[in-house]
Amino acid sequence: MSISRESADAYWKENVRIILSYLVVWFVVSYGCGILFVEQLNSIPFFGFELGFWFAQQGSIFVFCGLIVAYAISMNNLDEKYDVHE
């Protein structure tokens, strides 16, 4: 199966946009919520813990796992859109 140059460029551009958007979410949650905004988040109780502590210890891991699933779904949809799926 062959894909045109224009289609391949559009596919790659969307692929990079998806990757960058998920990386921004990952950075904001892990660095922002776990380090930068921890003092503000600690004023919010969450299941008996301070929210900033929870994000630093477990929340960012849960978000990261969710991002892996979301990325796989996004890439499957992108592959089908450009007809390069398996």
C-alpha atoms as a PDB file:
ATOM      1  CA  MET A   1       0.000   0.000   0.000  1.00  0.00           C
ATOM      2  CA  SER A   2       1.446   3.334  -1.052  1.00  0.00           C
ATOM      3  CA  ILE A   3       0.625   6.712   0.422  1.00  0.00           C
ATOM      4  CA  SER A   4       1.113  10.016  -1.404  1.00  0.00           C
ATOM      5  CA  ARG A   5       3.711  12.511  -0.245  1.00  0.00           C
ATOM      6  CA  GLU A   6       1.043  15.096   0.699  1.00  0.00           C
ATOM      7  CA  SER A   7      -0.901  12.508   2.661  1.00  0.00           C
ATOM      8  CA  ALA A   8       2.253  11.321   4.422  1.00  0.00           C
ATOM      9  CA  ASP A   9       3.143  14.894   5.372  1.00  0.00           C
ATOM     10  CA  ALA A  10      -0.369  15.524   6.715  1.00  0.00           C
ATOM     11  CA  TYR A  11      -0.239  12.233   8.642  1.00  0.00           C
ATOM     12  CA  TRP A  12       3.108  13.144  10.207  1.00  0.00           C
ATOM     13  CA  LYS A  13       1.919  16.670  11.086  1.00  0.00           C
ATOM     14  CA  GLU A  14      -1.138  15.277  12.894  1.00  0.00           C
ATOM     15  CA  ASN A  15       0.998  12.624  14.580  1.00  0.00           C
ATOM     16  CA  VAL A  16       3.374  15.267  15.969  1.00  0.00           C
ATOM     17  CA  ARG A  17       0.403  17.407  17.116  1.00  0.00           C
ATOM     18  CA  ILE A  18      -1.049  14.430  19.019  1.00  0.00           C
ATOM     19  CA  ILE A  19       2.302  13.606  20.629  1.00  0.00           C
ATOM     20  CA  LEU A  20       2.942  17.207  21.674  1.00  0.00           C
ATOM     21  CA  SER A  21      -0.537  17.621  23.136  1.00  0.00           C
ATOM     22  CA  TYR A  22      -0.148  14.492  25.276  1.00  0.00           C
ATOM     23  CA  LEU A  23       3.347  15.567  26.347  1.00  0.00           C
ATOM     24  CA  VAL A  24       1.975  18.930  27.487  1.00  0.00           C
ATOM     25  CA  VAL A  25      -0.703  17.197  29.568  1.00  0.00           C
ATOM     26  CA  TRP A  26       1.909  14.849  31.032  1.00  0.00           C
ATOM     27  CA  PHE A  27       4.225  17.766  31.903  1.00  0.00           C
ATOM     28  CA  VAL A  28       1.488  19.865  33.495  1.00  0.00           C
ATOM     29  CA  VAL A  29       0.239  16.980  35.620  1.00  0.00           C
ATOM     30  CA  SER A  30       3.593  15.566  36.699  1.00  0.00           C
ATOM     31  CA  TYR A  31       5.643  18.740  37.051  1.00  0.00           C
ATOM     32  CA  GLY A  32       2.925  21.325  37.543  1.00  0.00           C
ATOM     33  CA  CYS A  33       0.620  19.477  39.925  1.00  0.00           C
ATOM     34  CA  GLY A  34       3.367  17.497  41.641  1.00  0.00           C
ATOM     35  CA  ILE A  35       5.927  20.298  42.112  1.00  0.00           C
ATOM     36  CA  LEU A  36       4.898  23.810  41.058  1.00  0.00           C
ATOM     37  CA  PHE A  37       1.322  23.971  42.372  1.00  0.00           C
ATOM     38  CA  VAL A  38       1.709  21.533  45.259  1.00  0.00           C
ATOM     39  CA  GLU A  39       1.143  24.155  47.956  1.00  0.00           C
ATOM     40  CA  GLN A  40      -2.137  25.332  46.429  1.00  0.00           C
ATOM     41  CA  LEU A  41      -3.309  21.773  45.777  1.00  0.00           C
ATOM     42  CA  ASN A  42      -2.442  20.656  49.303  1.00  0.00           C
ATOM     43  CA  SER A  43      -5.258  22.842  50.629  1.00  0.00           C
ATOM     44  CA  ILE A  44      -7.719  20.490  48.879  1.00  0.00           C
ATOM     45  CA  PRO A  45      -8.443  17.192  50.684  1.00  0.00           C
ATOM     46  CA  PHE A  46      -8.649  14.102  48.467  1.00  0.00           C
ATOM     47  CA  PHE A  47      -9.585  10.750  50.039  1.00  0.00           C
ATOM     48  CA  GLY A  48      -7.901  11.792  53.276  1.00  0.00           C
ATOM     49  CA  PHE A  49      -4.716  13.037  51.589  1.00  0.00           C
ATOM     50  CA  GLU A  50      -3.609  16.436  50.414  1.00  0.00           C
ATOM     51  CA  LEU A  51      -4.251  16.698  46.648  1.00  0.00           C
ATOM     52  CA  GLY A  52      -0.719  17.919  45.857  1.00  0.00           C
ATOM     53  CA  PHE A  53       0.803  14.964  47.699  1.00  0.00           C
ATOM     54  CA  TRP A  54      -1.569  12.585  45.909  1.00  0.00           C
ATOM     55  CA  PHE A  55      -0.606  13.957  42.469  1.00  0.00           C
ATOM     56  CA  ALA A  56       3.090  13.720  43.290  1.00  0.00           C
ATOM     57  CA  GLN A  57       2.811  10.125  44.523  1.00  0.00           C
ATOM     58  CA  GLN A  58       0.037   8.459  42.518  1.00  0.00           C
ATOM     59  CA  GLY A  59      -2.037  10.860  40.446  1.00  0.00           C
ATOM     60  CA  SER A  60       0.581  11.526  37.815  1.00  0.00           C
ATOM     61  CA  ILE A  61       1.067   7.777  37.362  1.00  0.00           C
ATOM     62  CA  PHE A  62      -2.674   7.286  36.814  1.00  0.00           C
ATOM     63  CA  VAL A  63      -2.748  10.159  34.347  1.00  0.00           C
ATOM     64  CA  PHE A  64       0.296   8.739  32.541  1.00  0.00           C
ATOM     65  CA  CYS A  65      -1.407   5.348  32.172  1.00  0.00           C
ATOM     66  CA  GLY A  66      -4.530   7.099  30.885  1.00  0.00           C
ATOM     67  CA  LEU A  67      -2.410   9.009  28.378  1.00  0.00           C
ATOM     68  CA  ILE A  68      -0.956   5.741  27.072  1.00  0.00           C
ATOM     69  CA  VAL A  69      -4.463   4.421  26.410  1.00  0.00           C
ATOM     70  CA  ALA A  70      -5.590   7.729  24.885  1.00  0.00           C
ATOM     71  CA  TYR A  71      -2.498   7.818  22.641  1.00  0.00           C
ATOM     72  CA  ALA A  72      -3.115   4.283  21.387  1.00  0.00           C
ATOM     73  CA  ILE A  73      -6.746   5.139  20.579  1.00  0.00           C
ATOM     74  CA  SER A  74      -5.728   8.413  18.912  1.00  0.00           C
ATOM     75  CA  MET A  75      -3.115   6.706  16.761  1.00  0.00           C
ATOM     76  CA  ASN A  76      -5.516   3.950  15.737  1.00  0.00           C
ATOM     77  CA  ASN A  77      -8.017   6.606  14.646  1.00  0.00           C
ATOM     78  CA  LEU A  78      -5.293   8.508  12.785  1.00  0.00           C
ATOM     79  CA  ASP A  79      -4.104   5.331  11.044  1.00  0.00           C
ATOM     80  CA  GLU A  80      -7.650   4.592   9.901  1.00  0.00           C
ATOM     81  CA  LYS A  81      -8.146   8.182   8.745  1.00  0.00           C
ATOM     82  CA  TYR A  82      -5.110   7.952   6.454  1.00  0.00           C
ATOM     83  CA  ASP A  83      -5.726   4.280   5.583  1.00  0.00           C
ATOM     84  CA  VAL A  84      -2.407   3.034   6.957  1.00  0.00           C
ATOM     85  CA  HIS A  85      -3.887   0.721   9.594  1.00  0.00           C
ATOM     86  CA  GLU A  86      -3.099  -2.957   9.819  1.00  0.00           C
END
